[in-house]
Amino acid sequence: MSRDVLILSRTEDELAVPPVMAALTRRGARVWRAATDRMPHDGGVTWRGPGDGWIEVPGEGRLDLERIHSIWARRVAFGAGPHEDPALGRAIAGESRHVLLATLLDSPAFWVDPPAVYARARSKALQLRLAAEVGLDLPRTVHTNDPAIARAFVEDVGGPVVAKLATDVRIDGGTIYTNVLTPDDLGALDQLQGCPMILQEAVPKAAELRVVVCGDRVFAMRLDTASLPGADGDWRRVGQGTLEDWVPHRLDGATEGRFRALHERLHTNYGAADVVLTPDDRLVFLENNGVGESFWFYPHTDLADAWADLLLGDGPVRVAPRALA
């Protein structure tokens, strides 16, 4: 059986990918890493009919679809290419992404995770509904573009409220972080009519956890955000400066089981969840990210080996229903 593993990544992804590549190589796998931001100008895909296609991986060669054992869709990030017209560049990037994924979906490979599964699992509303079903605690939440409903929600919470977007929107290269609403923000809620947002009660924090599920394995690390200036609303604001501050956190078996159950319902094999640890030791689930970062787990856990187990089929995997896969 083929042990060719294809990783769809990007050029500047040197923290998350190499440790997994090393673990796979130790198991005898051949790893193909495609820098999607260099495609289609460097490398590309060809499909000539069912089972007759390949991907050209820059610096690696041609990988036939039938040879691929598994695909890790780590970061699919096509660049716009050298075009003066931004609209043309975006069109080319979108077309390239569609053709690459459509071609690779003709492969019998196991995906982490299939594009349709990932797209479904990104829904914050779905995540919260399923998290409640498996017994995870949630913050009070509303998704709305109705200013009156937003004001009523803030009044009902009676304390700090945070606002965030449903997707990873970037403006001029900058991330829009989760923010605690200020009096000025509350006075500008009429602007919601033009763009919906997610409002949540600001749960009191003793610390924040990132809980990673990889296959059937569950890992958790803790960041004591209460003692980090600038990290109270969204620790990502000072993210690079916190890498030495994360420490392993032990979850009890029942909590691990709830996270596994959440991924069973999402049909996903990987996810990185943001969780609040309250001063009274409750765990409150905020959201799950299907391609969330977890590279700082590698020095403290055997997450890289868990990835190798998953991508080589050496452990339990979740197979999505045919309608999604």
Protein backbone atom coordinates (compact mmCIF):
# COMPACT_ATOMS: atom_id res chain seq x y z
CA MET A 1 0.00 0.00 0.00
CA SER A 2 1.23 3.49 -0.88
CA ARG A 3 2.60 5.59 1.95
CA ASP A 4 2.72 8.82 -0.05
CA VAL A 5 1.39 11.74 2.00
CA LEU A 6 0.58 15.07 0.35
CA ILE A 7 0.65 18.21 2.50
CA LEU A 8 -1.04 21.27 1.04
CA SER A 9 0.74 24.15 2.70
CA ARG A 10 2.37 27.48 1.90
CA THR A 11 5.92 28.74 1.71
CA GLU A 12 6.05 30.37 5.14
CA ASP A 13 4.75 27.51 7.25
CA GLU A 14 7.91 26.31 8.94
CA LEU A 15 6.57 25.91 12.47
CA ALA A 16 3.61 23.59 11.91
CA VAL A 17 4.72 21.34 9.05
CA PRO A 18 8.35 20.13 9.49
CA PRO A 19 7.83 18.24 12.78
CA VAL A 20 4.96 16.28 11.20
CA MET A 21 7.03 15.62 8.08
CA ALA A 22 9.84 14.27 10.27
CA ALA A 23 7.45 11.97 12.15
CA LEU A 24 6.04 10.67 8.86
CA THR A 25 9.50 10.09 7.40
CA ARG A 26 10.52 8.09 10.48
CA ARG A 27 7.57 5.80 9.72
CA GLY A 28 8.79 5.20 6.18
CA ALA A 29 6.36 7.54 4.40
CA ARG A 30 7.25 9.69 1.43
CA VAL A 31 6.08 13.22 2.11
CA TRP A 32 5.16 15.63 -0.67
CA ARG A 33 4.78 19.24 0.41
CA ALA A 34 3.03 21.53 -2.08
CA ALA A 35 3.44 25.27 -1.46
CA THR A 36 0.04 26.35 -2.77
CA ASP A 37 0.97 30.05 -2.68
CA ARG A 38 3.45 29.33 -5.49
CA MET A 39 0.86 27.64 -7.66
CA PRO A 40 -0.14 27.65 -10.50
CA HIS A 41 2.92 29.65 -11.56
CA ASP A 42 5.18 26.99 -10.06
CA GLY A 43 3.72 23.49 -10.22
CA GLY A 44 0.12 22.62 -10.98
CA VAL A 45 -2.40 19.87 -11.64
CA THR A 46 -3.64 17.82 -14.57
CA TRP A 47 -6.78 15.65 -14.84
CA ARG A 48 -7.54 13.60 -17.96
CA GLY A 49 -10.37 11.43 -16.72
CA PRO A 50 -11.34 9.23 -13.75
CA GLY A 51 -8.20 8.02 -12.01
CA ASP A 52 -5.92 9.67 -14.58
CA GLY A 53 -4.43 12.78 -13.05
CA TRP A 54 -1.54 14.14 -11.05
CA ILE A 55 -0.17 17.09 -9.14
CA GLU A 56 3.19 18.63 -10.00
CA VAL A 57 4.86 19.46 -6.69
CA PRO A 58 7.59 22.10 -7.06
CA GLY A 59 10.97 20.56 -6.34
CA GLU A 60 9.48 17.09 -5.85
CA GLY A 61 8.07 15.94 -9.18
CA ARG A 62 4.82 14.35 -10.30
CA LEU A 63 2.53 12.60 -7.81
CA ASP A 64 -0.18 10.50 -9.43
CA LEU A 65 -3.62 10.68 -7.84
CA GLU A 66 -3.83 6.92 -7.36
CA ARG A 67 -0.62 6.88 -5.32
CA ILE A 68 -1.73 9.36 -2.67
CA HIS A 69 -2.48 7.64 0.63
CA SER A 70 -3.57 10.77 2.51
CA ILE A 71 -3.87 14.52 2.10
CA TRP A 72 -3.41 17.05 4.89
CA ALA A 73 -5.10 20.28 3.79
CA ARG A 74 -3.00 22.34 6.15
CA ARG A 75 -3.17 25.72 4.37
CA VAL A 76 -4.54 26.11 0.85
CA ALA A 77 -3.52 29.67 0.07
CA PHE A 78 -3.15 30.47 -3.60
CA GLY A 79 -1.43 33.74 -4.36
CA ALA A 80 -2.87 36.23 -6.81
CA GLY A 81 0.27 36.03 -8.96
CA PRO A 82 2.09 38.84 -10.77
CA HIS A 83 -0.96 40.74 -12.05
CA GLU A 84 -1.50 44.48 -12.04
CA ASP A 85 -5.27 43.95 -11.98
CA PRO A 86 -6.23 42.73 -8.45
CA ALA A 87 -9.58 41.42 -9.69
CA LEU A 88 -7.83 39.27 -12.30
CA GLY A 89 -5.42 37.97 -9.68
CA ARG A 90 -8.26 37.01 -7.34
CA ALA A 91 -10.07 35.26 -10.19
CA ILE A 92 -6.98 33.23 -11.09
CA ALA A 93 -6.38 32.30 -7.44
CA GLY A 94 -10.00 31.18 -7.04
CA GLU A 95 -9.97 29.16 -10.24
CA SER A 96 -6.66 27.54 -9.29
CA ARG A 97 -7.98 26.55 -5.89
CA HIS A 98 -11.12 25.04 -7.40
CA VAL A 99 -9.25 23.02 -10.03
CA LEU A 100 -6.62 21.74 -7.58
CA LEU A 101 -9.18 20.58 -5.02
CA ALA A 102 -11.49 19.11 -7.68
CA THR A 103 -8.60 17.16 -9.17
CA LEU A 104 -7.37 15.87 -5.81
CA LEU A 105 -10.88 14.78 -4.86
CA ASP A 106 -10.63 12.19 -7.65
CA SER A 107 -7.90 10.53 -5.61
CA PRO A 108 -8.82 7.68 -3.23
CA ALA A 109 -6.77 9.48 -0.56
CA PHE A 110 -7.94 9.99 3.00
CA TRP A 111 -8.32 13.73 3.70
CA VAL A 112 -7.74 15.75 6.85
CA ASP A 113 -10.25 17.11 6.32
CA PRO A 114 -12.30 17.00 3.06
CA PRO A 115 -13.12 20.50 1.78
CA ALA A 116 -16.88 20.06 2.17
CA VAL A 117 -16.46 18.73 5.72
CA TYR A 118 -14.20 21.63 6.64
CA ALA A 119 -16.61 24.16 5.12
CA ARG A 120 -19.52 22.76 7.14
CA ALA A 121 -17.52 22.55 10.36
CA ARG A 122 -16.52 26.24 10.13
CA SER A 123 -20.05 27.30 11.05
CA LYS A 124 -19.85 28.86 14.49
CA ALA A 125 -23.56 28.34 15.07
CA LEU A 126 -23.26 24.64 14.21
CA GLN A 127 -20.24 24.26 16.48
CA LEU A 128 -22.07 25.78 19.43
CA ARG A 129 -25.18 23.67 18.87
CA LEU A 130 -23.15 20.45 18.68
CA ALA A 131 -20.95 21.46 21.62
CA ALA A 132 -24.09 21.90 23.72
CA GLU A 133 -25.36 18.50 22.59
CA VAL A 134 -22.21 16.76 23.83
CA GLY A 135 -22.32 18.54 27.20
CA LEU A 136 -19.80 21.36 26.86
CA ASP A 137 -20.56 24.65 28.63
CA LEU A 138 -21.11 27.68 26.38
CA PRO A 139 -21.20 31.46 26.80
CA ARG A 140 -24.45 33.26 26.07
CA THR A 141 -24.25 34.14 22.40
CA VAL A 142 -26.15 35.92 19.64
CA HIS A 143 -25.36 36.16 15.92
CA THR A 144 -27.18 39.16 14.48
CA ASN A 145 -27.21 42.27 12.36
CA ASP A 146 -30.25 43.65 14.21
CA PRO A 147 -29.16 46.54 16.47
CA ALA A 148 -32.25 46.19 18.69
CA ILE A 149 -31.53 42.51 19.34
CA ALA A 150 -27.86 43.34 20.04
CA ARG A 151 -28.83 46.01 22.57
CA ALA A 152 -31.27 43.67 24.29
CA PHE A 153 -28.57 40.99 24.46
CA VAL A 154 -26.05 43.38 26.04
CA GLU A 155 -28.64 44.49 28.57
CA ASP A 156 -29.56 40.89 29.39
CA VAL A 157 -25.92 39.90 29.94
CA GLY A 158 -25.51 42.83 32.30
CA GLY A 159 -21.71 42.74 32.07
CA PRO A 160 -18.87 42.81 29.57
CA VAL A 161 -19.66 41.55 26.07
CA VAL A 162 -17.21 40.66 23.31
CA ALA A 163 -17.73 41.02 19.56
CA LYS A 164 -16.13 38.87 16.89
CA LEU A 165 -16.55 37.85 13.29
CA ALA A 166 -17.59 34.44 12.01
CA THR A 167 -14.63 34.20 9.62
CA ASP A 168 -10.96 35.15 9.64
CA VAL A 169 -11.37 38.53 7.99
CA ARG A 170 -8.18 40.50 7.35
CA ILE A 171 -8.09 44.12 6.29
CA ASP A 172 -4.86 45.48 4.80
CA GLY A 173 -3.11 42.36 6.08
CA GLY A 174 -4.25 42.85 9.66
CA THR A 175 -6.32 40.44 11.71
CA ILE A 176 -9.59 41.61 13.24
CA TYR A 177 -9.43 40.29 16.78
CA THR A 178 -12.14 39.56 19.33
CA ASN A 179 -12.83 42.79 21.22
CA VAL A 180 -14.58 43.70 24.45
CA LEU A 181 -17.27 46.24 23.58
CA THR A 182 -16.51 49.74 24.85
CA PRO A 183 -19.10 52.45 25.59
CA ASP A 184 -18.30 53.94 22.17
CA ASP A 185 -18.95 50.55 20.53
CA LEU A 186 -22.27 50.23 22.32
CA GLY A 187 -23.24 53.65 21.03
CA ALA A 188 -22.49 52.55 17.46
CA LEU A 189 -24.52 49.33 17.38
CA ASP A 190 -26.68 50.72 14.55
CA GLN A 191 -23.75 49.92 12.28
CA LEU A 192 -24.48 46.22 12.77
CA GLN A 193 -27.24 46.59 10.19
CA GLY A 194 -24.57 46.64 7.49
CA CYS A 195 -22.62 43.58 8.68
CA PRO A 196 -23.63 40.89 11.19
CA MET A 197 -21.35 39.99 14.08
CA ILE A 198 -21.20 37.48 16.90
CA LEU A 199 -21.74 38.85 20.40
CA GLN A 200 -20.87 36.74 23.44
CA GLU A 201 -20.78 37.31 27.15
CA ALA A 202 -17.20 37.88 28.27
CA VAL A 203 -16.69 34.82 30.45
CA PRO A 204 -14.43 35.48 33.49
CA LYS A 205 -10.99 33.97 32.81
CA ALA A 206 -8.51 32.35 35.07
CA ALA A 207 -6.74 31.05 31.97
CA GLU A 208 -7.39 30.05 28.38
CA LEU A 209 -6.94 26.61 26.89
CA ARG A 210 -6.33 25.42 23.38
CA VAL A 211 -7.75 21.93 23.05
CA VAL A 212 -6.52 20.01 20.02
CA VAL A 213 -8.14 16.86 18.69
CA CYS A 214 -6.00 14.88 16.24
CA GLY A 215 -7.65 11.63 15.24
CA ASP A 216 -8.69 10.01 18.49
CA ARG A 217 -6.11 11.85 20.59
CA VAL A 218 -6.91 14.95 22.67
CA PHE A 219 -4.25 17.44 23.77
CA ALA A 220 -4.60 20.61 25.82
CA MET A 221 -2.32 23.49 26.76
CA ARG A 222 -3.02 26.44 29.05
CA LEU A 223 -2.13 30.11 28.86
CA ASP A 224 -2.53 32.21 32.01
CA THR A 225 -3.93 35.21 30.16
CA ALA A 226 -4.93 37.02 33.36
CA SER A 227 -1.26 37.82 34.00
CA LEU A 228 -0.43 38.81 30.41
CA PRO A 229 -0.98 42.48 29.50
CA GLY A 230 -3.01 42.82 26.31
CA ALA A 231 -4.18 39.21 26.30
CA ASP A 232 -7.44 39.59 28.19
CA GLY A 233 -9.73 40.10 25.18
CA ASP A 234 -7.88 38.01 22.59
CA TRP A 235 -4.53 36.40 23.38
CA ARG A 236 -3.61 36.41 19.68
CA ARG A 237 -2.83 40.13 19.97
CA VAL A 238 0.32 39.15 21.84
CA GLY A 239 0.44 35.66 20.36
CA GLN A 240 4.08 35.40 19.33
CA GLY A 241 5.13 36.73 22.70
CA THR A 242 3.22 34.02 24.56
CA LEU A 243 4.80 30.91 23.02
CA GLU A 244 7.00 30.26 26.06
CA ASP A 245 4.08 30.78 28.44
CA TRP A 246 1.89 27.88 27.34
CA VAL A 247 2.01 24.81 29.58
CA PRO A 248 0.42 21.35 29.21
CA HIS A 249 -2.99 21.01 30.83
CA ARG A 250 -4.58 17.73 31.84
CA LEU A 251 -8.24 17.21 30.95
CA ASP A 252 -10.31 14.59 32.72
CA GLY A 253 -11.55 11.62 30.73
CA ALA A 254 -15.13 12.88 30.54
CA THR A 255 -14.05 16.20 29.05
CA GLU A 256 -11.81 14.49 26.51
CA GLY A 257 -14.79 12.34 25.59
CA ARG A 258 -16.93 15.43 24.97
CA PHE A 259 -14.38 16.84 22.55
CA ARG A 260 -14.16 13.53 20.71
CA ALA A 261 -17.95 13.47 20.51
CA LEU A 262 -17.97 17.01 19.11
CA HIS A 263 -15.63 15.92 16.31
CA GLU A 264 -17.72 12.84 15.66
CA ARG A 265 -20.65 15.14 14.98
CA LEU A 266 -18.54 17.52 12.89
CA HIS A 267 -17.03 14.50 11.01
CA THR A 268 -13.59 16.09 11.47
CA ASN A 269 -10.25 14.51 12.35
CA TYR A 270 -8.50 17.70 13.44
CA GLY A 271 -9.49 20.86 15.23
CA ALA A 272 -8.11 23.39 17.69
CA ALA A 273 -10.70 24.72 20.12
CA ASP A 274 -10.53 27.88 22.19
CA VAL A 275 -11.74 27.28 25.72
CA VAL A 276 -11.94 29.49 28.82
CA LEU A 277 -11.00 28.15 32.25
CA THR A 278 -13.04 30.20 34.73
CA PRO A 279 -11.94 31.12 38.27
CA ASP A 280 -14.35 28.46 39.58
CA ASP A 281 -12.72 25.79 37.32
CA ARG A 282 -15.45 25.56 34.69
CA LEU A 283 -14.44 24.96 31.08
CA VAL A 284 -16.38 27.13 28.61
CA PHE A 285 -16.16 26.29 24.91
CA LEU A 286 -15.85 29.31 22.60
CA GLU A 287 -15.19 27.94 19.12
CA ASN A 288 -13.28 25.39 17.06
CA ASN A 289 -10.87 26.07 14.19
CA GLY A 290 -10.40 23.31 11.62
CA VAL A 291 -6.92 24.53 10.69
CA GLY A 292 -6.09 26.18 14.01
CA GLU A 293 -2.45 26.55 15.00
CA SER A 294 -0.91 24.16 17.50
CA PHE A 295 2.79 24.16 16.63
CA TRP A 296 3.74 25.14 20.19
CA PHE A 297 2.35 21.77 21.33
CA TYR A 298 5.18 19.82 19.63
CA PRO A 299 7.93 20.36 22.25
CA HIS A 300 5.57 19.37 25.09
CA THR A 301 3.43 16.57 23.61
CA ASP A 302 3.57 13.81 21.02
CA LEU A 303 1.18 15.66 18.72
CA ALA A 304 3.52 15.19 15.73
CA ASP A 305 3.34 11.42 16.21
CA ALA A 306 -0.44 11.64 16.52
CA TRP A 307 -0.44 13.38 13.13
CA ALA A 308 1.67 10.55 11.69
CA ASP A 309 -0.75 7.96 13.10
CA LEU A 310 -3.67 9.80 11.57
CA LEU A 311 -2.17 10.40 8.13
CA LEU A 312 -0.85 6.85 7.81
CA GLY A 313 -4.00 5.17 9.08
CA ASP A 314 -2.28 3.76 12.16
CA GLY A 315 -5.10 4.87 14.44
CA PRO A 316 -8.85 5.47 14.41
CA VAL A 317 -10.13 7.93 11.80
CA ARG A 318 -13.47 9.59 11.12
CA VAL A 319 -14.86 9.08 7.64
CA ALA A 320 -17.38 11.69 6.54
CA PRO A 321 -20.77 10.69 5.14
CA ARG A 322 -20.73 10.28 1.36
CA ALA A 323 -22.84 13.43 0.95
CA LEU A 324 -20.02 15.48 2.50
CA ALA A 325 -16.91 13.61 1.37
